[in-house]
C-alpha atoms as a PDB file:
ATOM      1  CA  MET A   1      90.468 -17.129 -34.776  1.00  0.00           C
ATOM      2  CA  SER A   2      92.153 -16.459 -31.444  1.00  0.00           C
ATOM      3  CA  PHE A   3      90.328 -13.575 -29.720  1.00  0.00           C
ATOM      4  CA  ARG A   4      87.031 -11.730 -30.065  1.00  0.00           C
ATOM      5  CA  VAL A   5      87.077  -8.051 -29.164  1.00  0.00           C
ATOM      6  CA  ILE A   6      84.497  -7.226 -26.474  1.00  0.00           C
ATOM      7  CA  LYS A   7      85.899  -3.767 -25.710  1.00  0.00           C
ATOM      8  CA  PRO A   8      88.639  -2.315 -27.927  1.00  0.00           C
ATOM      9  CA  GLY A   9      89.999  -0.015 -25.232  1.00  0.00           C
ATOM     10  CA  PHE A  10      91.037   3.603 -25.715  1.00  0.00           C
ATOM     11  CA  ILE A  11      93.569   2.995 -28.512  1.00  0.00           C
ATOM     12  CA  SER A  12      94.459  -0.592 -29.455  1.00  0.00           C
ATOM     13  CA  SER A  13      96.201  -1.637 -32.664  1.00  0.00           C
ATOM     14  CA  ILE A  14      98.285  -4.405 -34.174  1.00  0.00           C
ATOM     15  CA  GLN A  15     101.986  -3.558 -34.426  1.00  0.00           C
ATOM     16  CA  ASP A  16     105.181  -5.332 -35.403  1.00  0.00           C
ATOM     17  CA  VAL A  17     108.751  -4.002 -35.656  1.00  0.00           C
ATOM     18  CA  GLY A  18     107.637  -1.556 -38.352  1.00  0.00           C
ATOM     19  CA  ARG A  19     107.879  -0.904 -42.088  1.00  0.00           C
ATOM     20  CA  PHE A  20     111.111   0.290 -43.610  1.00  0.00           C
ATOM     21  CA  GLY A  21     112.255   1.503 -47.009  1.00  0.00           C
ATOM     22  CA  PHE A  22     109.184   3.593 -47.838  1.00  0.00           C
ATOM     23  CA  ALA A  23     110.123   7.001 -46.411  1.00  0.00           C
ATOM     24  CA  GLU A  24     110.772   8.371 -49.906  1.00  0.00           C
ATOM     25  CA  LYS A  25     107.113   7.667 -50.622  1.00  0.00           C
ATOM     26  CA  GLY A  26     106.027   9.532 -47.495  1.00  0.00           C
ATOM     27  CA  ILE A  27     105.237   6.410 -45.446  1.00  0.00           C
ATOM     28  CA  ALA A  28     106.393   6.327 -41.816  1.00  0.00           C
ATOM     29  CA  GLN A  29     108.041   3.308 -40.198  1.00  0.00           C
ATOM     30  CA  SER A  30     105.257   2.834 -37.596  1.00  0.00           C
ATOM     31  CA  GLY A  31     105.728  -0.317 -35.465  1.00  0.00           C
ATOM     32  CA  ALA A  32     105.624  -0.906 -31.713  1.00  0.00           C
ATOM     33  CA  ALA A  33     106.119   2.356 -29.822  1.00  0.00           C
ATOM     34  CA  ASP A  34     107.920   0.481 -27.036  1.00  0.00           C
ATOM     35  CA  LEU A  35     110.183  -1.891 -28.936  1.00  0.00           C
ATOM     36  CA  HIS A  36     111.740  -3.128 -25.667  1.00  0.00           C
ATOM     37  CA  ALA A  37     108.433  -4.424 -24.251  1.00  0.00           C
ATOM     38  CA  PHE A  38     107.309  -5.701 -27.671  1.00  0.00           C
ATOM     39  CA  CYS A  39     110.496  -7.728 -28.169  1.00  0.00           C
ATOM     40  CA  TRP A  40     110.322  -9.248 -24.696  1.00  0.00           C
ATOM     41  CA  ALA A  41     106.751 -10.412 -25.333  1.00  0.00           C
ATOM     42  CA  ASN A  42     107.803 -12.324 -28.457  1.00  0.00           C
ATOM     43  CA  TYR A  43     110.978 -13.570 -26.781  1.00  0.00           C
ATOM     44  CA  LEU A  44     108.994 -15.116 -23.932  1.00  0.00           C
ATOM     45  CA  LEU A  45     106.873 -17.086 -26.399  1.00  0.00           C
ATOM     46  CA  GLU A  46     109.818 -18.018 -28.625  1.00  0.00           C
ATOM     47  CA  ASN A  47     108.071 -16.228 -31.495  1.00  0.00           C
ATOM     48  CA  ASP A  48     109.826 -14.813 -34.505  1.00  0.00           C
ATOM     49  CA  SER A  49     111.126 -11.386 -33.457  1.00  0.00           C
ATOM     50  CA  HIS A  50     108.950  -9.744 -36.143  1.00  0.00           C
ATOM     51  CA  ALA A  51     105.703 -11.453 -35.060  1.00  0.00           C
ATOM     52  CA  ALA A  52     102.822  -8.990 -34.725  1.00  0.00           C
ATOM     53  CA  ALA A  53     101.394  -8.193 -31.287  1.00  0.00           C
ATOM     54  CA  LEU A  54      98.570  -6.060 -29.925  1.00  0.00           C
ATOM     55  CA  GLU A  55      99.554  -2.633 -28.571  1.00  0.00           C
ATOM     56  CA  ILE A  56      97.038  -1.453 -25.955  1.00  0.00           C
ATOM     57  CA  THR A  57      97.277   2.257 -25.107  1.00  0.00           C
ATOM     58  CA  PHE A  58      95.763   3.532 -21.828  1.00  0.00           C
ATOM     59  CA  GLY A  59      94.029   0.186 -21.181  1.00  0.00           C
ATOM     60  CA  GLY A  60      90.272  -0.403 -21.136  1.00  0.00           C
ATOM     61  CA  CYS A  61      90.492  -3.459 -23.414  1.00  0.00           C
ATOM     62  CA  GLU A  62      88.514  -6.706 -23.049  1.00  0.00           C
ATOM     63  CA  LEU A  63      88.932  -9.851 -25.163  1.00  0.00           C
ATOM     64  CA  GLU A  64      87.395 -13.328 -25.245  1.00  0.00           C
ATOM     65  CA  ALA A  65      89.664 -16.260 -26.068  1.00  0.00           C
ATOM     66  CA  LEU A  66      88.409 -18.416 -28.948  1.00  0.00           C
ATOM     67  CA  ILE A  67      91.158 -21.043 -28.683  1.00  0.00           C
ATOM     68  CA  ASP A  68      93.514 -22.609 -26.161  1.00  0.00           C
ATOM     69  CA  THR A  69      96.854 -20.857 -26.436  1.00  0.00           C
ATOM     70  CA  LYS A  70      99.677 -19.120 -24.632  1.00  0.00           C
ATOM     71  CA  ILE A  71     100.170 -15.378 -24.371  1.00  0.00           C
ATOM     72  CA  ALA A  72     102.658 -12.938 -22.900  1.00  0.00           C
ATOM     73  CA  ILE A  73     101.812  -9.528 -21.452  1.00  0.00           C
ATOM     74  CA  THR A  74     104.546  -6.881 -21.211  1.00  0.00           C
ATOM     75  CA  GLY A  75     104.852  -3.119 -20.972  1.00  0.00           C
ATOM     76  CA  ALA A  76     102.472  -0.887 -19.022  1.00  0.00           C
ATOM     77  CA  ASP A  77     100.657  -2.244 -15.989  1.00  0.00           C
ATOM     78  CA  PHE A  78      96.914  -1.896 -16.580  1.00  0.00           C
ATOM     79  CA  GLY A  79      95.953  -4.391 -13.896  1.00  0.00           C
ATOM     80  CA  PHE A  80      95.553  -7.264 -16.370  1.00  0.00           C
ATOM     81  CA  LYS A  81      93.062  -9.941 -15.280  1.00  0.00           C
ATOM     82  CA  LEU A  82      92.245 -13.376 -16.633  1.00  0.00           C
ATOM     83  CA  ASN A  83      88.665 -14.363 -15.708  1.00  0.00           C
ATOM     84  CA  GLY A  84      88.711 -11.715 -12.996  1.00  0.00           C
ATOM     85  CA  HIS A  85      91.988 -12.876 -11.453  1.00  0.00           C
ATOM     86  CA  HIS A  86      94.994 -10.576 -11.540  1.00  0.00           C
ATOM     87  CA  HIS A  87      98.107 -11.711 -13.421  1.00  0.00           C
ATOM     88  CA  ALA A  88     101.398  -9.838 -13.396  1.00  0.00           C
ATOM     89  CA  ASN A  89     103.034  -8.666 -16.606  1.00  0.00           C
ATOM     90  CA  TRP A  90     106.297  -9.966 -18.073  1.00  0.00           C
ATOM     91  CA  GLN A  91     105.385 -13.661 -18.028  1.00  0.00           C
ATOM     92  CA  VAL A  92     103.831 -16.438 -20.114  1.00  0.00           C
ATOM     93  CA  ILE A  93     100.156 -17.114 -19.331  1.00  0.00           C
ATOM     94  CA  THR A  94      98.081 -20.115 -20.436  1.00  0.00           C
ATOM     95  CA  VAL A  95      94.691 -19.163 -21.888  1.00  0.00           C
ATOM     96  CA  LYS A  96      91.732 -21.496 -22.482  1.00  0.00           C
ATOM     97  CA  LYS A  97      88.861 -21.133 -24.936  1.00  0.00           C
ATOM     98  CA  GLY A  98      86.154 -18.943 -23.406  1.00  0.00           C
ATOM     99  CA  ASP A  99      88.507 -17.103 -21.029  1.00  0.00           C
ATOM    100  CA  LYS A 100      88.001 -13.348 -20.556  1.00  0.00           C
ATOM    101  CA  LEU A 101      91.047 -11.063 -20.705  1.00  0.00           C
ATOM    102  CA  THR A 102      90.650  -7.555 -19.309  1.00  0.00           C
ATOM    103  CA  TRP A 103      92.891  -4.516 -18.892  1.00  0.00           C
ATOM    104  CA  GLY A 104      91.921  -1.669 -16.563  1.00  0.00           C
ATOM    105  CA  THR A 105      93.493   1.770 -16.439  1.00  0.00           C
ATOM    106  CA  SER A 106      97.148   2.638 -16.196  1.00  0.00           C
ATOM    107  CA  GLN A 107      99.041   1.986 -12.986  1.00  0.00           C
ATOM    108  CA  ASN A 108     102.527   2.289 -14.501  1.00  0.00           C
ATOM    109  CA  GLY A 109     103.131   3.164 -18.142  1.00  0.00           C
ATOM    110  CA  VAL A 110     101.105   4.013 -21.234  1.00  0.00           C
ATOM    111  CA  ARG A 111     101.291   1.002 -23.576  1.00  0.00           C
ATOM    112  CA  ALA A 112     100.891  -2.724 -22.880  1.00  0.00           C
ATOM    113  CA  TYR A 113     101.658  -5.509 -25.344  1.00  0.00           C
ATOM    114  CA  LEU A 114      99.751  -8.747 -25.848  1.00  0.00           C
ATOM    115  CA  ALA A 115     101.712 -11.337 -27.814  1.00  0.00           C
ATOM    116  CA  ILE A 116     100.283 -14.727 -28.712  1.00  0.00           C
ATOM    117  CA  ALA A 117     102.142 -17.920 -29.569  1.00  0.00           C
ATOM    118  CA  GLY A 118     102.848 -17.718 -33.294  1.00  0.00           C
ATOM    119  CA  GLY A 119     101.909 -14.029 -33.612  1.00  0.00           C
ATOM    120  CA  PHE A 120      98.794 -12.322 -34.985  1.00  0.00           C
ATOM    121  CA  GLN A 121      97.908 -12.735 -38.654  1.00  0.00           C
ATOM    122  CA  THR A 122      96.574  -9.477 -40.082  1.00  0.00           C
ATOM    123  CA  PRO A 123      96.885  -7.861 -43.527  1.00  0.00           C
ATOM    124  CA  ILE A 124     100.356  -6.792 -44.632  1.00  0.00           C
ATOM    125  CA  TYR A 125     100.697  -3.283 -46.048  1.00  0.00           C
ATOM    126  CA  PHE A 126     104.066  -2.162 -47.428  1.00  0.00           C
ATOM    127  CA  GLY A 127     105.867  -5.086 -45.807  1.00  0.00           C
ATOM    128  CA  SER A 128     104.387  -4.714 -42.314  1.00  0.00           C
ATOM    129  CA  ARG A 129     101.272  -5.493 -40.296  1.00  0.00           C
ATOM    130  CA  SER A 130     101.659  -2.265 -38.284  1.00  0.00           C
ATOM    131  CA  VAL A 131      98.671   0.067 -38.130  1.00  0.00           C
ATOM    132  CA  ASN A 132      99.197   3.780 -38.769  1.00  0.00           C
ATOM    133  CA  VAL A 133      95.934   5.645 -38.302  1.00  0.00           C
ATOM    134  CA  ARG A 134      97.423   8.996 -39.389  1.00  0.00           C
ATOM    135  CA  GLU A 135      98.303   7.509 -42.786  1.00  0.00           C
ATOM    136  CA  GLN A 136      95.119   5.395 -42.955  1.00  0.00           C
ATOM    137  CA  ILE A 137      97.090   2.152 -43.043  1.00  0.00           C
ATOM    138  CA  GLY A 138      94.949  -0.411 -41.248  1.00  0.00           C
ATOM    139  CA  ARG A 139      92.660   0.621 -38.375  1.00  0.00           C
ATOM    140  CA  LEU A 140      92.235   0.452 -34.624  1.00  0.00           C
ATOM    141  CA  LEU A 141      90.486  -2.479 -32.953  1.00  0.00           C
ATOM    142  CA  GLN A 142      86.687  -2.349 -32.982  1.00  0.00           C
ATOM    143  CA  VAL A 143      83.973  -4.180 -31.058  1.00  0.00           C
ATOM    144  CA  GLY A 144      83.325  -7.585 -32.628  1.00  0.00           C
ATOM    145  CA  ASP A 145      86.670  -7.916 -34.387  1.00  0.00           C
ATOM    146  CA  GLU A 146      88.100 -11.422 -34.368  1.00  0.00           C
ATOM    147  CA  LEU A 147      91.881 -11.646 -34.266  1.00  0.00           C
ATOM    148  CA  ILE A 148      93.593 -14.479 -36.103  1.00  0.00           C
ATOM    149  CA  SER A 149      96.879 -15.992 -34.966  1.00  0.00           C
ATOM    150  CA  PHE A 150      99.363 -18.279 -36.656  1.00  0.00           C
ATOM    151  CA  SER A 151      99.295 -21.809 -35.317  1.00  0.00           C
ATOM    152  CA  SER A 152     102.255 -22.635 -33.096  1.00  0.00           C
ATOM    153  CA  ASN A 153     103.184 -25.980 -31.586  1.00  0.00           C
ATOM    154  CA  LYS A 154     106.020 -24.547 -29.513  1.00  0.00           C
ATOM    155  CA  PRO A 155     105.544 -25.199 -25.797  1.00  0.00           C
ATOM    156  CA  ALA A 156     106.656 -21.679 -24.759  1.00  0.00           C
ATOM    157  CA  GLU A 157     107.515 -23.037 -21.322  1.00  0.00           C
ATOM    158  CA  ILE A 158     111.264 -22.421 -21.193  1.00  0.00           C
ATOM    159  CA  ARG A 159     111.016 -18.658 -20.711  1.00  0.00           C
ATOM    160  CA  ALA A 160     108.270 -18.519 -18.099  1.00  0.00           C
ATOM    161  CA  SER A 161     108.979 -14.943 -17.014  1.00  0.00           C
ATOM    162  CA  ILE A 162     111.438 -12.082 -17.346  1.00  0.00           C
ATOM    163  CA  PRO A 163     113.949 -11.427 -14.540  1.00  0.00           C
ATOM    164  CA  GLU A 164     113.021  -8.467 -12.367  1.00  0.00           C
ATOM    165  CA  ARG A 165     116.101  -6.474 -13.403  1.00  0.00           C
ATOM    166  CA  TYR A 166     114.829  -6.234 -16.979  1.00  0.00           C
ATOM    167  CA  ARG A 167     111.409  -4.856 -16.006  1.00  0.00           C
ATOM    168  CA  PRO A 168     111.380  -1.056 -16.343  1.00  0.00           C
ATOM    169  CA  ASP A 169     109.760   1.373 -13.938  1.00  0.00           C
ATOM    170  CA  TYR A 170     107.987   3.800 -16.246  1.00  0.00           C
ATOM    171  CA  GLN A 171     107.482   6.309 -13.435  1.00  0.00           C
ATOM    172  CA  GLN A 172     111.164   7.072 -13.026  1.00  0.00           C
ATOM    173  CA  GLN A 173     112.732  10.245 -14.374  1.00  0.00           C
ATOM    174  CA  LEU A 174     114.056   9.501 -17.853  1.00  0.00           C
ATOM    175  CA  THR A 175     117.346  10.584 -19.411  1.00  0.00           C
ATOM    176  CA  LEU A 176     117.255  10.743 -23.208  1.00  0.00           C
ATOM    177  CA  ARG A 177     120.635  10.173 -24.840  1.00  0.00           C
ATOM    178  CA  LEU A 178     121.026  12.532 -27.775  1.00  0.00           C
ATOM    179  CA  LEU A 179     123.178  12.146 -30.873  1.00  0.00           C
ATOM    180  CA  PRO A 180     124.010  15.643 -32.176  1.00  0.00           C
ATOM    181  CA  SER A 181     122.719  16.193 -35.696  1.00  0.00           C
ATOM    182  CA  TYR A 182     124.440  18.091 -38.505  1.00  0.00           C
ATOM    183  CA  GLN A 183     122.314  21.091 -37.469  1.00  0.00           C
ATOM    184  CA  PHE A 184     123.532  20.931 -33.866  1.00  0.00           C
ATOM    185  CA  GLU A 185     126.035  23.744 -34.427  1.00  0.00           C
ATOM    186  CA  GLN A 186     123.258  26.070 -35.578  1.00  0.00           C
ATOM    187  CA  PHE A 187     122.352  26.338 -31.882  1.00  0.00           C
ATOM    188  CA  ASP A 188     124.756  28.469 -29.873  1.00  0.00           C
ATOM    189  CA  GLN A 189     126.151  27.525 -26.471  1.00  0.00           C
ATOM    190  CA  THR A 190     123.396  29.311 -24.544  1.00  0.00           C
ATOM    191  CA  GLN A 191     120.694  27.547 -26.551  1.00  0.00           C
ATOM    192  CA  GLN A 192     122.379  24.171 -26.048  1.00  0.00           C
ATOM    193  CA  GLN A 193     122.620  24.805 -22.309  1.00  0.00           C
ATOM    194  CA  THR A 194     118.910  25.554 -22.190  1.00  0.00           C
ATOM    195  CA  LEU A 195     118.254  22.113 -23.671  1.00  0.00           C
ATOM    196  CA  PHE A 196     120.664  20.126 -21.510  1.00  0.00           C
ATOM    197  CA  GLU A 197     120.420  21.916 -18.168  1.00  0.00           C
ATOM    198  CA  GLN A 198     116.707  21.599 -17.459  1.00  0.00           C
ATOM    199  CA  LEU A 199     114.049  19.018 -16.704  1.00  0.00           C
ATOM    200  CA  TYR A 200     111.274  18.969 -19.300  1.00  0.00           C
ATOM    201  CA  GLU A 201     107.788  17.566 -18.816  1.00  0.00           C
ATOM    202  CA  VAL A 202     105.980  15.344 -21.310  1.00  0.00           C
ATOM    203  CA  ASP A 203     103.129  17.398 -22.748  1.00  0.00           C
ATOM    204  CA  LEU A 204      99.530  16.191 -22.909  1.00  0.00           C
ATOM    205  CA  GLY A 205      99.579  16.653 -26.691  1.00  0.00           C
ATOM    206  CA  SER A 206     101.986  13.727 -27.227  1.00  0.00           C
ATOM    207  CA  ASP A 207     100.994  10.690 -29.306  1.00  0.00           C
ATOM    208  CA  ARG A 208     102.516   8.086 -31.638  1.00  0.00           C
ATOM    209  CA  THR A 209     103.502  10.845 -34.059  1.00  0.00           C
ATOM    210  CA  GLY A 210     105.645  12.770 -31.608  1.00  0.00           C
ATOM    211  CA  CYS A 211     106.337  13.596 -27.988  1.00  0.00           C
ATOM    212  CA  ARG A 212     105.967  17.279 -27.163  1.00  0.00           C
ATOM    213  CA  LEU A 213     107.945  18.594 -24.232  1.00  0.00           C
ATOM    214  CA  ALA A 214     107.012  21.511 -21.966  1.00  0.00           C
ATOM    215  CA  GLY A 215     109.610  23.617 -20.182  1.00  0.00           C
ATOM    216  CA  ARG A 216     111.739  26.730 -20.509  1.00  0.00           C
ATOM    217  CA  ALA A 217     111.865  27.754 -24.153  1.00  0.00           C
ATOM    218  CA  ILE A 218     115.069  28.016 -26.148  1.00  0.00           C
ATOM    219  CA  GLU A 219     115.314  31.645 -27.207  1.00  0.00           C
ATOM    220  CA  ASN A 220     116.087  32.914 -30.703  1.00  0.00           C
ATOM    221  CA  VAL A 221     115.585  29.552 -32.358  1.00  0.00           C
ATOM    222  CA  PRO A 222     117.020  29.322 -35.900  1.00  0.00           C
ATOM    223  CA  ASN A 223     114.432  30.031 -38.580  1.00  0.00           C
ATOM    224  CA  THR A 224     112.338  27.247 -40.015  1.00  0.00           C
ATOM    225  CA  MET A 225     113.863  25.602 -43.059  1.00  0.00           C
ATOM    226  CA  ILE A 226     112.792  24.180 -46.379  1.00  0.00           C
ATOM    227  CA  SER A 227     111.264  20.831 -45.507  1.00  0.00           C
ATOM    228  CA  GLU A 228     113.685  17.910 -45.651  1.00  0.00           C
ATOM    229  CA  GLY A 229     113.748  14.253 -44.720  1.00  0.00           C
ATOM    230  CA  ILE A 230     113.530  13.550 -40.989  1.00  0.00           C
ATOM    231  CA  ALA A 231     114.232  10.431 -38.960  1.00  0.00           C
ATOM    232  CA  TYR A 232     112.633   8.538 -36.088  1.00  0.00           C
ATOM    233  CA  GLY A 233     113.866  10.141 -32.880  1.00  0.00           C
ATOM    234  CA  SER A 234     114.723  13.517 -34.407  1.00  0.00           C
ATOM    235  CA  VAL A 235     114.415  16.393 -31.912  1.00  0.00           C
ATOM    236  CA  GLU A 236     112.873  19.331 -33.702  1.00  0.00           C
ATOM    237  CA  ILE A 237     112.995  22.715 -32.012  1.00  0.00           C
ATOM    238  CA  THR A 238     109.833  24.566 -32.975  1.00  0.00           C
ATOM    239  CA  THR A 239     109.419  28.326 -33.328  1.00  0.00           C
ATOM    240  CA  SER A 240     108.095  28.285 -29.740  1.00  0.00           C
ATOM    241  CA  GLY A 241     111.549  27.141 -28.616  1.00  0.00           C
ATOM    242  CA  LEU A 242     110.270  23.808 -27.309  1.00  0.00           C
ATOM    243  CA  PRO A 243     111.266  20.312 -28.523  1.00  0.00           C
ATOM    244  CA  ILE A 244     109.165  17.753 -30.358  1.00  0.00           C
ATOM    245  CA  ILE A 245     110.670  14.240 -30.423  1.00  0.00           C
ATOM    246  CA  LEU A 246     109.483  12.351 -33.501  1.00  0.00           C
ATOM    247  CA  LEU A 247     108.079   8.885 -32.785  1.00  0.00           C
ATOM    248  CA  ASN A 248     106.917   5.933 -34.857  1.00  0.00           C
ATOM    249  CA  ASP A 249     104.142   7.537 -36.921  1.00  0.00           C
ATOM    250  CA  HIS A 250     106.015  10.779 -37.643  1.00  0.00           C
ATOM    251  CA  PRO A 251     105.814  12.457 -41.071  1.00  0.00           C
ATOM    252  CA  THR A 252     108.815  11.801 -43.285  1.00  0.00           C
ATOM    253  CA  ILE A 253     109.643  15.465 -43.956  1.00  0.00           C
ATOM    254  CA  GLY A 254     109.733  18.548 -41.762  1.00  0.00           C
ATOM    255  CA  GLY A 255     110.939  22.124 -41.699  1.00  0.00           C
ATOM    256  CA  TYR A 256     112.055  22.727 -38.121  1.00  0.00           C
ATOM    257  CA  PRO A 257     115.782  22.676 -37.262  1.00  0.00           C
ATOM    258  CA  LYS A 258     116.877  19.457 -35.561  1.00  0.00           C
ATOM    259  CA  ILE A 259     119.321  19.663 -32.686  1.00  0.00           C
ATOM    260  CA  GLY A 260     119.858  15.899 -32.567  1.00  0.00           C
ATOM    261  CA  THR A 261     118.381  12.413 -32.578  1.00  0.00           C
ATOM    262  CA  VAL A 262     117.449  10.425 -29.472  1.00  0.00           C
ATOM    263  CA  LEU A 263     118.882   6.918 -29.110  1.00  0.00           C
ATOM    264  CA  SER A 264     116.176   4.488 -30.245  1.00  0.00           C
ATOM    265  CA  LEU A 265     116.391   2.436 -27.036  1.00  0.00           C
ATOM    266  CA  ASP A 266     115.446   5.539 -25.049  1.00  0.00           C
ATOM    267  CA  LEU A 267     112.518   6.277 -27.359  1.00  0.00           C
ATOM    268  CA  ALA A 268     110.972   2.984 -26.253  1.00  0.00           C
ATOM    269  CA  MET A 269     111.076   4.192 -22.651  1.00  0.00           C
ATOM    270  CA  LEU A 270     109.758   7.627 -23.648  1.00  0.00           C
ATOM    271  CA  ALA A 271     106.717   6.007 -25.266  1.00  0.00           C
ATOM    272  CA  GLN A 272     105.711   4.761 -21.791  1.00  0.00           C
ATOM    273  CA  ARG A 273     105.759   8.169 -20.070  1.00  0.00           C
ATOM    274  CA  HIS A 274     102.521   9.863 -19.035  1.00  0.00           C
ATOM    275  CA  ALA A 275     101.918  13.583 -19.450  1.00  0.00           C
ATOM    276  CA  GLY A 276     103.843  15.380 -16.740  1.00  0.00           C
ATOM    277  CA  ALA A 277     106.682  12.842 -16.595  1.00  0.00           C
ATOM    278  CA  LYS A 278     110.143  14.360 -16.175  1.00  0.00           C
ATOM    279  CA  VAL A 279     112.769  13.922 -18.882  1.00  0.00           C
ATOM    280  CA  LYS A 280     116.197  15.417 -19.560  1.00  0.00           C
ATOM    281  CA  PHE A 281     118.779  15.223 -22.336  1.00  0.00           C
ATOM    282  CA  GLU A 282     122.431  14.227 -22.333  1.00  0.00           C
ATOM    283  CA  LEU A 283     124.848  13.756 -25.222  1.00  0.00           C
ATOM    284  CA  ILE A 284     126.004  10.357 -26.470  1.00  0.00           C
ATOM    285  CA  ASP A 285     128.551   9.582 -29.176  1.00  0.00           C
ATOM    286  CA  ILE A 286     127.754   7.557 -32.278  1.00  0.00           C
ATOM    287  CA  GLU A 287     130.089   4.656 -31.423  1.00  0.00           C
ATOM    288  CA  THR A 288     128.488   4.098 -28.004  1.00  0.00           C
ATOM    289  CA  ALA A 289     124.999   4.370 -29.478  1.00  0.00           C
ATOM    290  CA  GLN A 290     125.799   1.822 -32.179  1.00  0.00           C
ATOM    291  CA  GLN A 291     127.208  -0.660 -29.665  1.00  0.00           C
ATOM    292  CA  LEU A 292     124.147  -0.382 -27.430  1.00  0.00           C
ATOM    293  CA  ARG A 293     121.762  -0.926 -30.322  1.00  0.00           C
ATOM    294  CA  LYS A 294     123.884  -3.760 -31.748  1.00  0.00           C
ATOM    295  CA  LYS A 295     123.716  -5.582 -28.403  1.00  0.00           C
ATOM    296  CA  PHE A 296     119.923  -5.136 -28.305  1.00  0.00           C
ATOM    297  CA  ASN A 297     119.488  -6.369 -31.886  1.00  0.00           C
ATOM    298  CA  GLN A 298     121.668  -9.422 -31.326  1.00  0.00           C
ATOM    299  CA  PHE A 299     119.842 -10.456 -28.161  1.00  0.00           C
ATOM    300  CA  PHE A 300     116.380 -10.201 -29.774  1.00  0.00           C
ATOM    301  CA  ARG A 301     117.538 -11.421 -33.211  1.00  0.00           C
ATOM    302  CA  LEU A 302     116.334  -8.311 -35.039  1.00  0.00           C
END
């Protein structure tokens, strides 16, 4: 055992990089909503890049340490405290048996990540430890749960913290780089301009399934289609003329036309935006997108 759950927080679940290869069976990829913050947490501790971590959404979580270990906190700033003393995110922290770990409410961002040396050991479903409540795969943290971690003898001292330049500001306006889909040409020039020439706001109805955007509607949207396979990051334009960006727990089929797919690295940043945050779209070509993702994968050994 590594931690006992005193307060589970608003929405807290175990996540890893996700489950892949099961879309044909209707199972979403799930995984950490902010892959950037998740990967940095494991990198700091010299964990395997696929090691499971705790994703804490909107804060309010409290844990008791049951062992001596090392942890890393990344992602949203919920005013993390160890035994009542504030500790900044994006660094390795030594924890002793009996210590109390608490997260308050959001000061910057939506999701924080707690990684532990060796990673958390929870049941594996379809090749992943990631929880997907919508599909009833695993469950959220509950009071009294005891989290188990893999033993790790690594010192985790080399990477004490992350340089400031790699720490995102989740309050900044976000530009989402969009790869045009094969249905892009179904939207005429005026409809495309409506998408690219405005600032949208993240809608309150957003969650791990999808991010809804509020703004000026695209008029005369193409009719809904026979449902077909859809991908992580797809931008569906609903009959209301407003976009939904599909996130980690999205269904695997859908019947809205898709104007494009958001670069996965930008989806990580989108997952940290509160309702009301400003976002806009710009086009990116496939070669540039592939190079950016290749660089990310190589650095984090994904």
